[in-house]
Amino acid sequence: MAKYILKEVKTREDEKVWLHVDRPIYEGCKYWVCPLDSDIKAVFDPAKNKKFANGEAIRWYVVEEQSGKAVGRIAAFYDRNTLEDYEQPTGGCGFFEAIDSQEVANMLFDAARDWLAARGWEAMDGPVNFGSRDAWWGLLVNGFDYEPLYTNPYNPPYYQALFENYGFQNYFNQNTYLWRVFEDDLGEVALEKAKRVAATPGYRVEDIRNTDLDVAAQNLRTIYNKAWALFTGVNPMSEQDARHLVQTLKPIIDRDIIFFAYYNDEPIGFFVMVPDLNCIIGKFKGKFGIIEKLRLMWELKVKKSAHRIFGIIFAVTPEYQGKGVESFMMRSILEGYIRSDRNHYKTVELAWIGDFNPVMNKMIKTYVCATQHKMHTTYRYLFDRTKEFTRCPRVGFKRPAKKE
C-alpha cells in the first residue's frame, strides 16, 4: 500500500511542484484547459492580492513516499472581512487537485481544517478562491463535456465523491447557461417588455465604442453599488476598484460587447462581456511570457480566434428593476450586435448564477431562453459535526444599521 507525505509550500521549488500537480491528472482530457501559472501565483502573492491585508493563506501538496511523485494539492485561507456574512466564522479551501484516492483527499482536507480551526474558524467552504467569486470558485458537478471558461474550474467527476465522502455539504450551486447567439431567441414575455420600454422616451442601450474607459469605469461603479453592494456577501466597489477592473480587462476588452443602459442619460444598467481567453490560452501550457502575450493579442485582436463570449456581470439599478429594462437590454444587444455582421462570436456563456437567486435563473431561462449546461457546487464543512447544517439563504439585502 502506498504511503503519502504532506508537505507545506515554502520554497520556489515547492511552489512549482504545487502548481503542476494538475498536469498528469488531466493528461489526455480534451476539455481541460491548462490555467496560466501567473494567474494562480497572483492569488498567493501579498503584493497582488489585497485579501492578505485582512487574511492569510497557506498551501500544501502530497507526495507518494516511494516515488516522490506529487499526487495532490490544496490551499487554505481566510479573510476577516467575511466574518459578518456568516453564522459562524468561515474560512476557505481551494485549488484542490488529487488522484482518485480518498486517503490523499482526506490528508489535504484535514490539513486545511486543522489550520483554520487553530485560528478560530468554525467552518470552511470549498473549493473556493482567496479572492473574488468570479474566479476559481466551485466544484464542477455537471457539464464535463464542455471546455471551461477562463478562470472557471474544471475537474474530474470523481472529485465530487472525494468532497462529499469527507463530509462537505452542498451550500449552493452555481449555474452556467449557454446562449447560442444565432439560434436562441428571447421569450415572448421578454420581447413584449422590451417593446414597451423601447416605446418610452429616454431609454437607450449603447456599447462603449465611443465611451472613454474612465467614464465607463465610473458608470459601472455607480450601477454596481446601487444594484449589488446591498446584497449579503458583496462589498461596495471603490473608485480605485473600478479603475483597476477596467485596467485589468483593458488588454482583452472588446468594446462591441460591453453595454450600458441609460434613462435620460443616467446610467441604470450594464452587461459586461469579454472574449473567452480559454479558446486561445490552452496551447500556452501555463506559460505567459512575452511570446505568449504577443500571441494572445494576435489571436484575439487580429485573427479573432475567440469564438465564445464570457458574460462577466449584469446589473440594473433597483429603481429600474421590474420595468422591463433587463429585457430591453437583451433585445438591444441581440438585435444591435449579436445578429449583426460585426459579430464573429458563436455563443455567449452566462456563468455564476447562484441557485440562491431564483429570479435571475428564471429570467435567463424564460426571457433569454439560454440553456443550463454546467453546474458548480460550493460546499461547506462545519468543524462541529453535531451542528445543524443550513444551505445558503436566498439572495437578500443587508439591513441598514440602526441609527442610535
Protein backbone atom coordinates (compact mmCIF):
# COMPACT_ATOMS: atom_id res chain seq x y z
CA MET A 1 0.00 0.00 0.00
CA ALA A 2 1.30 3.45 -0.96
CA LYS A 3 2.42 5.78 1.79
CA TYR A 4 1.88 9.50 1.43
CA ILE A 5 3.61 12.55 2.90
CA LEU A 6 2.09 16.03 3.35
CA LYS A 7 4.41 18.96 2.58
CA GLU A 8 3.90 22.69 3.04
CA VAL A 9 4.82 25.07 0.21
CA LYS A 10 7.79 27.07 1.49
CA THR A 11 10.22 27.43 -1.43
CA ARG A 12 10.02 28.29 -5.11
CA GLU A 13 10.61 24.65 -5.94
CA ASP A 14 7.70 23.68 -3.65
CA GLU A 15 5.52 26.21 -5.44
CA LYS A 16 6.45 24.80 -8.84
CA VAL A 17 5.56 21.29 -7.68
CA TRP A 18 2.29 22.57 -6.20
CA LEU A 19 1.38 24.43 -9.40
CA HIS A 20 1.99 21.45 -11.65
CA VAL A 21 0.22 18.74 -9.66
CA ASP A 22 -2.68 19.07 -12.11
CA ARG A 23 -0.76 18.21 -15.30
CA PRO A 24 -0.71 14.39 -15.02
CA ILE A 25 -4.25 14.31 -13.59
CA TYR A 26 -5.69 15.83 -16.77
CA GLU A 27 -3.39 14.16 -19.27
CA GLY A 28 -5.48 13.08 -22.24
CA CYS A 29 -8.56 15.11 -21.20
CA LYS A 30 -9.63 17.07 -24.27
CA TYR A 31 -11.81 19.51 -22.34
CA TRP A 32 -9.41 20.67 -19.64
CA VAL A 33 -7.60 23.94 -20.37
CA CYS A 34 -4.30 24.42 -18.55
CA PRO A 35 -4.61 27.61 -16.47
CA LEU A 36 -1.89 30.24 -16.59
CA ASP A 37 0.65 29.78 -13.81
CA SER A 38 0.83 33.56 -13.38
CA ASP A 39 -2.92 33.79 -12.71
CA ILE A 40 -2.79 31.27 -9.87
CA LYS A 41 0.51 32.53 -8.43
CA ALA A 42 -1.00 36.02 -8.19
CA VAL A 43 -3.67 34.71 -5.80
CA PHE A 44 -0.94 33.84 -3.29
CA ASP A 45 1.17 36.96 -3.78
CA PRO A 46 0.55 39.51 -0.99
CA ALA A 47 1.74 42.27 -3.32
CA LYS A 48 -1.03 41.46 -5.81
CA ASN A 49 -3.88 40.11 -3.67
CA LYS A 50 -5.41 42.65 -1.29
CA LYS A 51 -7.08 39.84 0.68
CA PHE A 52 -3.78 39.45 2.53
CA ALA A 53 -4.39 42.82 4.22
CA ASN A 54 -7.02 41.14 6.40
CA GLY A 55 -6.25 37.48 5.87
CA GLU A 56 -3.76 34.69 5.48
CA ALA A 57 -3.15 31.76 3.15
CA ILE A 58 -1.16 28.53 3.15
CA ARG A 59 -0.56 25.73 0.63
CA TRP A 60 0.29 22.04 0.86
CA TYR A 61 0.91 19.16 -1.50
CA VAL A 62 1.06 15.40 -1.01
CA VAL A 63 3.76 13.15 -2.42
CA GLU A 64 3.90 9.39 -2.72
CA GLU A 65 6.81 8.43 -0.45
CA GLN A 66 8.48 5.80 -2.59
CA SER A 67 8.33 7.55 -5.96
CA GLY A 68 8.36 11.15 -4.73
CA LYS A 69 5.57 11.92 -7.19
CA ALA A 70 3.19 14.73 -6.23
CA VAL A 71 -0.37 13.36 -6.16
CA GLY A 72 -2.46 16.14 -4.62
CA ARG A 73 -2.57 19.75 -3.50
CA ILE A 74 -4.75 22.24 -1.62
CA ALA A 75 -4.70 25.78 -0.24
CA ALA A 76 -6.40 27.13 2.87
CA PHE A 77 -7.13 30.78 3.58
CA TYR A 78 -9.33 33.22 5.43
CA ASP A 79 -10.42 36.83 5.15
CA ARG A 80 -11.55 38.56 8.34
CA ASN A 81 -13.86 40.84 6.32
CA THR A 82 -16.22 37.89 5.71
CA LEU A 83 -16.93 37.35 9.41
CA GLU A 84 -20.13 39.39 9.37
CA ASP A 85 -21.59 37.47 6.43
CA TYR A 86 -21.96 34.04 8.04
CA GLU A 87 -23.49 32.46 11.12
CA GLN A 88 -20.10 31.03 12.06
CA PRO A 89 -16.59 32.23 11.18
CA THR A 90 -15.95 30.52 7.84
CA GLY A 91 -12.64 30.19 6.06
CA GLY A 92 -11.95 28.58 2.73
CA CYS A 93 -10.02 25.88 0.94
CA GLY A 94 -9.40 25.71 -2.77
CA PHE A 95 -7.18 24.92 -5.74
CA PHE A 96 -7.71 21.28 -4.81
CA GLU A 97 -6.33 18.64 -7.14
CA ALA A 98 -5.77 14.96 -6.36
CA ILE A 99 -5.56 11.48 -7.77
CA ASP A 100 -8.60 9.29 -7.18
CA SER A 101 -7.71 8.50 -3.58
CA GLN A 102 -9.86 9.30 -0.56
CA GLU A 103 -6.76 8.89 1.63
CA VAL A 104 -4.92 11.64 -0.24
CA ALA A 105 -8.00 13.88 -0.28
CA ASN A 106 -8.54 13.41 3.46
CA MET A 107 -4.92 14.34 4.21
CA LEU A 108 -5.40 17.58 2.32
CA PHE A 109 -8.81 18.38 3.82
CA ASP A 110 -7.55 17.58 7.34
CA ALA A 111 -4.63 19.96 6.88
CA ALA A 112 -6.91 22.78 5.78
CA ARG A 113 -9.44 22.12 8.56
CA ASP A 114 -6.86 21.91 11.34
CA TRP A 115 -5.06 25.06 10.19
CA LEU A 116 -8.30 27.07 10.07
CA ALA A 117 -9.59 25.66 13.36
CA ALA A 118 -6.36 26.60 15.11
CA ARG A 119 -7.04 30.20 14.09
CA GLY A 120 -10.57 30.27 15.46
CA TRP A 121 -12.56 29.44 12.35
CA GLU A 122 -15.53 27.10 12.67
CA ALA A 123 -16.19 26.05 9.07
CA MET A 124 -14.63 26.06 5.63
CA ASP A 125 -16.09 26.48 2.17
CA GLY A 126 -14.55 24.72 -0.76
CA PRO A 127 -13.34 24.65 -3.34
CA VAL A 128 -13.27 28.46 -3.40
CA ASN A 129 -10.91 31.29 -4.22
CA PHE A 130 -8.86 33.54 -1.97
CA GLY A 131 -10.34 36.42 -3.90
CA SER A 132 -13.45 37.33 -5.86
CA ARG A 133 -16.16 34.79 -6.56
CA ASP A 134 -15.93 35.16 -10.33
CA ALA A 135 -12.75 33.04 -10.50
CA TRP A 136 -11.73 29.57 -9.29
CA TRP A 137 -14.98 29.07 -7.38
CA GLY A 138 -16.93 25.85 -7.01
CA LEU A 139 -16.59 22.19 -7.96
CA LEU A 140 -17.79 21.12 -11.38
CA VAL A 141 -20.53 18.51 -10.86
CA ASN A 142 -22.33 18.69 -14.21
CA GLY A 143 -21.11 19.61 -17.69
CA PHE A 144 -17.87 17.68 -18.01
CA ASP A 145 -18.10 17.51 -21.81
CA TYR A 146 -17.58 21.24 -22.27
CA GLU A 147 -14.44 23.34 -22.21
CA PRO A 148 -14.36 25.60 -19.15
CA LEU A 149 -14.47 29.37 -19.32
CA TYR A 150 -11.35 31.35 -18.43
CA THR A 151 -10.56 31.03 -14.67
CA ASN A 152 -13.62 28.82 -14.20
CA PRO A 153 -12.88 25.47 -12.52
CA TYR A 154 -12.79 22.17 -14.36
CA ASN A 155 -12.20 18.88 -12.53
CA PRO A 156 -12.67 15.12 -12.90
CA PRO A 157 -16.10 13.75 -11.90
CA TYR A 158 -14.64 11.74 -9.00
CA TYR A 159 -13.82 14.93 -7.08
CA GLN A 160 -17.47 15.19 -6.02
CA ALA A 161 -17.23 11.90 -4.12
CA LEU A 162 -13.94 12.95 -2.50
CA PHE A 163 -15.58 16.09 -1.08
CA GLU A 164 -18.86 14.50 -0.05
CA ASN A 165 -17.26 11.40 1.50
CA TYR A 166 -15.21 13.68 3.69
CA GLY A 167 -18.36 15.40 4.94
CA PHE A 168 -18.67 18.53 2.81
CA GLN A 169 -22.31 19.51 2.19
CA ASN A 170 -23.87 21.44 -0.68
CA TYR A 171 -24.02 25.10 0.36
CA PHE A 172 -25.16 26.39 -3.03
CA ASN A 173 -24.94 25.62 -6.74
CA GLN A 174 -23.68 27.95 -9.47
CA ASN A 175 -25.32 27.50 -12.85
CA THR A 176 -23.78 28.33 -16.22
CA TYR A 177 -26.06 28.97 -19.19
CA LEU A 178 -25.29 28.68 -22.89
CA TRP A 179 -26.86 31.17 -25.31
CA ARG A 180 -26.41 30.14 -28.93
CA VAL A 181 -26.45 33.57 -30.50
CA PHE A 182 -27.64 32.57 -33.98
CA GLU A 183 -30.23 30.04 -32.81
CA ASP A 184 -31.71 31.08 -29.46
CA ASP A 185 -34.11 34.00 -29.19
CA LEU A 186 -35.76 35.97 -26.42
CA GLY A 187 -39.00 34.70 -24.93
CA GLU A 188 -42.31 36.30 -25.86
CA VAL A 189 -42.73 37.95 -22.45
CA ALA A 190 -39.27 39.49 -22.70
CA LEU A 191 -39.95 40.77 -26.20
CA GLU A 192 -43.19 42.43 -25.09
CA LYS A 193 -41.48 44.10 -22.13
CA ALA A 194 -38.66 45.25 -24.37
CA LYS A 195 -41.11 46.81 -26.80
CA ARG A 196 -42.80 48.78 -24.01
CA VAL A 197 -39.51 50.16 -22.74
CA ALA A 198 -38.32 50.97 -26.26
CA ALA A 199 -41.51 52.98 -26.83
CA THR A 200 -40.86 55.05 -23.70
CA PRO A 201 -38.79 58.19 -24.39
CA GLY A 202 -35.47 58.44 -22.54
CA TYR A 203 -34.33 54.81 -22.61
CA ARG A 204 -31.37 53.68 -24.70
CA VAL A 205 -28.68 50.96 -24.73
CA GLU A 206 -25.20 51.59 -26.10
CA ASP A 207 -21.89 49.76 -26.33
CA ILE A 208 -18.71 51.55 -25.26
CA ARG A 209 -17.06 52.01 -28.63
CA ASN A 210 -17.36 55.77 -28.24
CA THR A 211 -17.04 55.93 -24.45
CA ASP A 212 -13.88 56.85 -22.56
CA LEU A 213 -12.84 53.91 -20.39
CA ASP A 214 -12.56 56.09 -17.27
CA VAL A 215 -16.15 57.23 -17.80
CA ALA A 216 -17.23 53.62 -18.35
CA ALA A 217 -15.48 52.64 -15.09
CA GLN A 218 -17.30 55.34 -13.16
CA ASN A 219 -20.67 54.39 -14.67
CA LEU A 220 -20.04 50.74 -13.83
CA ARG A 221 -19.20 51.64 -10.23
CA THR A 222 -22.34 53.77 -9.86
CA ILE A 223 -24.62 51.00 -11.10
CA TYR A 224 -22.81 48.23 -9.24
CA ASN A 225 -23.02 49.99 -5.89
CA LYS A 226 -26.75 50.54 -6.32
CA ALA A 227 -27.57 47.10 -7.68
CA TRP A 228 -25.17 44.71 -5.94
CA ALA A 229 -23.45 46.24 -2.93
CA LEU A 230 -26.52 45.91 -0.69
CA PHE A 231 -26.59 42.15 -1.09
CA THR A 232 -25.15 39.91 1.58
CA GLY A 233 -21.54 38.96 0.91
CA VAL A 234 -20.93 41.74 -1.62
CA ASN A 235 -18.75 44.74 -0.80
CA PRO A 236 -19.15 48.18 -2.39
CA MET A 237 -16.85 48.98 -5.30
CA SER A 238 -14.49 51.89 -4.71
CA GLU A 239 -13.38 54.27 -7.43
CA GLN A 240 -9.96 52.64 -7.29
CA ASP A 241 -11.53 49.17 -7.63
CA ALA A 242 -13.47 50.26 -10.71
CA ARG A 243 -10.39 51.72 -12.39
CA HIS A 244 -8.35 48.64 -11.52
CA LEU A 245 -11.00 46.36 -13.01
CA VAL A 246 -11.07 48.30 -16.26
CA GLN A 247 -7.28 48.48 -16.46
CA THR A 248 -7.05 44.73 -15.82
CA LEU A 249 -9.53 43.99 -18.58
CA LYS A 250 -8.20 46.66 -20.97
CA PRO A 251 -5.89 44.35 -22.98
CA ILE A 252 -8.72 41.95 -23.78
CA ILE A 253 -11.69 44.33 -23.90
CA ASP A 254 -13.87 44.16 -26.97
CA ARG A 255 -15.79 47.44 -26.90
CA ASP A 256 -18.52 45.86 -29.03
CA ILE A 257 -19.66 43.57 -26.21
CA ILE A 258 -19.81 45.85 -23.16
CA PHE A 259 -23.19 47.57 -22.89
CA PHE A 260 -24.77 50.24 -20.71
CA ALA A 261 -28.43 51.15 -20.39
CA TYR A 262 -29.42 54.78 -19.78
CA TYR A 263 -32.53 56.70 -18.87
CA ASN A 264 -32.30 60.40 -19.71
CA ASP A 265 -28.51 59.99 -19.82
CA GLU A 266 -28.39 58.45 -16.33
CA PRO A 267 -26.62 55.04 -16.31
CA ILE A 268 -29.07 52.46 -14.97
CA GLY A 269 -27.74 49.10 -16.11
CA PHE A 270 -24.79 47.27 -17.63
CA PHE A 271 -23.87 43.95 -19.18
CA VAL A 272 -20.10 43.37 -19.20
CA MET A 273 -18.85 40.63 -21.51
CA VAL A 274 -15.34 39.72 -22.68
CA PRO A 275 -13.92 37.25 -25.19
CA ASP A 276 -13.25 33.90 -23.53
CA LEU A 277 -9.49 33.53 -23.35
CA ASN A 278 -9.65 29.76 -22.87
CA CYS A 279 -10.28 29.49 -26.59
CA ILE A 280 -6.66 30.60 -27.01
CA ILE A 281 -4.52 30.03 -23.91
CA GLY A 282 -4.78 26.23 -23.73
CA LYS A 283 -1.88 25.91 -26.15
CA PHE A 284 0.35 28.01 -23.83
CA LYS A 285 0.59 25.14 -21.29
CA GLY A 286 0.52 27.52 -18.34
CA LYS A 287 3.22 29.87 -19.61
CA PHE A 288 2.54 33.57 -20.13
CA GLY A 289 5.76 35.28 -21.05
CA ILE A 290 6.26 37.96 -23.70
CA ILE A 291 5.87 35.47 -26.57
CA GLU A 292 2.58 34.16 -25.20
CA LYS A 293 1.31 37.70 -24.58
CA LEU A 294 2.05 38.74 -28.14
CA ARG A 295 0.48 35.57 -29.44
CA LEU A 296 -2.64 36.19 -27.36
CA MET A 297 -3.04 39.70 -28.76
CA TRP A 298 -2.55 38.41 -32.31
CA GLU A 299 -5.10 35.64 -31.86
CA LEU A 300 -7.54 37.92 -30.03
CA LYS A 301 -7.36 41.18 -31.97
CA VAL A 302 -6.20 40.17 -35.45
CA LYS A 303 -7.30 36.57 -36.07
CA LYS A 304 -10.30 36.93 -33.72
CA SER A 305 -9.84 33.31 -32.65
CA ALA A 306 -12.03 33.60 -29.57
CA HIS A 307 -15.39 32.21 -30.67
CA ARG A 308 -17.11 32.43 -27.30
CA ILE A 309 -18.20 35.37 -25.14
CA PHE A 310 -17.88 35.22 -21.35
CA GLY A 311 -20.67 37.17 -19.66
CA ILE A 312 -18.97 38.51 -16.53
CA ILE A 313 -21.61 40.60 -14.77
CA PHE A 314 -25.09 42.01 -15.37
CA ALA A 315 -26.92 44.59 -13.28
CA VAL A 316 -29.85 47.02 -13.27
CA THR A 317 -30.27 49.59 -10.50
CA PRO A 318 -33.11 48.81 -8.05
CA GLU A 319 -35.35 51.71 -9.05
CA TYR A 320 -35.48 50.41 -12.63
CA GLN A 321 -35.85 46.71 -11.88
CA GLY A 322 -39.19 45.14 -12.81
CA LYS A 323 -39.83 47.71 -15.54
CA GLY A 324 -38.54 45.60 -18.41
CA VAL A 325 -35.11 47.23 -18.62
CA GLU A 326 -33.43 43.82 -18.46
CA SER A 327 -35.44 42.62 -21.45
CA PHE A 328 -34.82 45.88 -23.31
CA MET A 329 -31.08 45.47 -22.81
CA MET A 330 -31.06 41.89 -24.04
CA ARG A 331 -33.14 42.70 -27.11
CA SER A 332 -30.93 45.68 -27.92
CA ILE A 333 -27.80 43.53 -27.61
CA LEU A 334 -29.31 40.73 -29.69
CA GLU A 335 -30.53 42.97 -32.50
CA GLY A 336 -27.83 45.63 -32.34
CA TYR A 337 -24.78 43.40 -32.22
CA ILE A 338 -25.32 39.66 -31.85
CA ARG A 339 -27.27 39.36 -35.13
CA SER A 340 -25.18 41.98 -36.93
CA ASP A 341 -22.41 41.49 -39.47
CA ARG A 342 -19.89 42.81 -36.93
CA ASN A 343 -20.30 39.78 -34.63
CA HIS A 344 -17.86 36.90 -35.08
CA TYR A 345 -18.74 35.05 -31.86
CA LYS A 346 -20.86 31.90 -31.90
CA THR A 347 -22.03 31.57 -28.29
CA VAL A 348 -22.41 33.50 -25.06
CA GLU A 349 -21.94 31.79 -21.69
CA LEU A 350 -23.57 33.31 -18.63
CA ALA A 351 -21.74 31.93 -15.61
CA TRP A 352 -22.06 32.05 -11.84
CA ILE A 353 -25.84 32.25 -11.49
CA GLY A 354 -26.37 31.00 -7.94
CA ASP A 355 -29.35 28.81 -7.10
CA PHE A 356 -29.92 31.19 -4.17
CA ASN A 357 -31.08 33.72 -6.80
CA PRO A 358 -34.14 32.03 -8.35
CA VAL A 359 -35.32 35.25 -10.01
CA MET A 360 -32.13 35.56 -12.06
CA ASN A 361 -32.20 31.86 -13.02
CA LYS A 362 -35.82 32.15 -14.14
CA MET A 363 -35.09 35.27 -16.15
CA ILE A 364 -32.24 33.63 -18.03
CA LYS A 365 -34.27 30.51 -18.76
CA THR A 366 -37.56 32.14 -19.76
CA TYR A 367 -36.53 35.56 -21.05
CA VAL A 368 -33.15 34.92 -22.64
CA CYS A 369 -34.04 31.29 -23.42
CA ALA A 370 -30.49 30.15 -22.66
CA THR A 371 -29.80 26.51 -21.78
CA GLN A 372 -28.23 25.41 -18.50
CA HIS A 373 -25.24 23.25 -19.43
CA LYS A 374 -22.84 23.39 -16.46
CA MET A 375 -23.16 23.41 -12.71
CA HIS A 376 -20.58 24.02 -10.00
CA THR A 377 -21.18 23.37 -6.31
CA THR A 378 -19.79 25.36 -3.41
CA TYR A 379 -19.51 23.03 -0.42
CA ARG A 380 -19.36 23.85 3.29
CA TYR A 381 -17.80 21.75 6.04
CA LEU A 382 -18.76 22.51 9.64
CA PHE A 383 -16.00 21.66 12.11
CA ASP A 384 -18.58 20.91 14.80
CA ARG A 385 -20.13 17.82 13.27
CA THR A 386 -23.13 18.00 15.64
CA LYS A 387 -24.16 21.45 14.45
CA GLU A 388 -27.16 21.69 12.11
CA PHE A 389 -26.20 22.48 8.52
CA THR A 390 -28.21 25.02 6.55
CA ARG A 391 -27.85 25.91 2.89
CA CYS A 392 -27.16 29.41 1.67
CA PRO A 393 -30.23 31.63 2.13
CA ARG A 394 -31.92 33.12 -0.90
CA VAL A 395 -30.39 36.35 -2.06
CA GLY A 396 -31.41 39.31 0.05
CA PHE A 397 -30.44 42.80 1.01
CA LYS A 398 -28.33 43.71 4.01
CA ARG A 399 -30.36 45.61 6.54
CA PRO A 400 -29.03 49.13 7.10
CA ALA A 401 -27.53 49.64 10.54
CA LYS A 402 -29.97 51.19 13.01
CA LYS A 403 -29.23 54.77 13.93
CA GLU A 404 -28.64 55.42 17.59
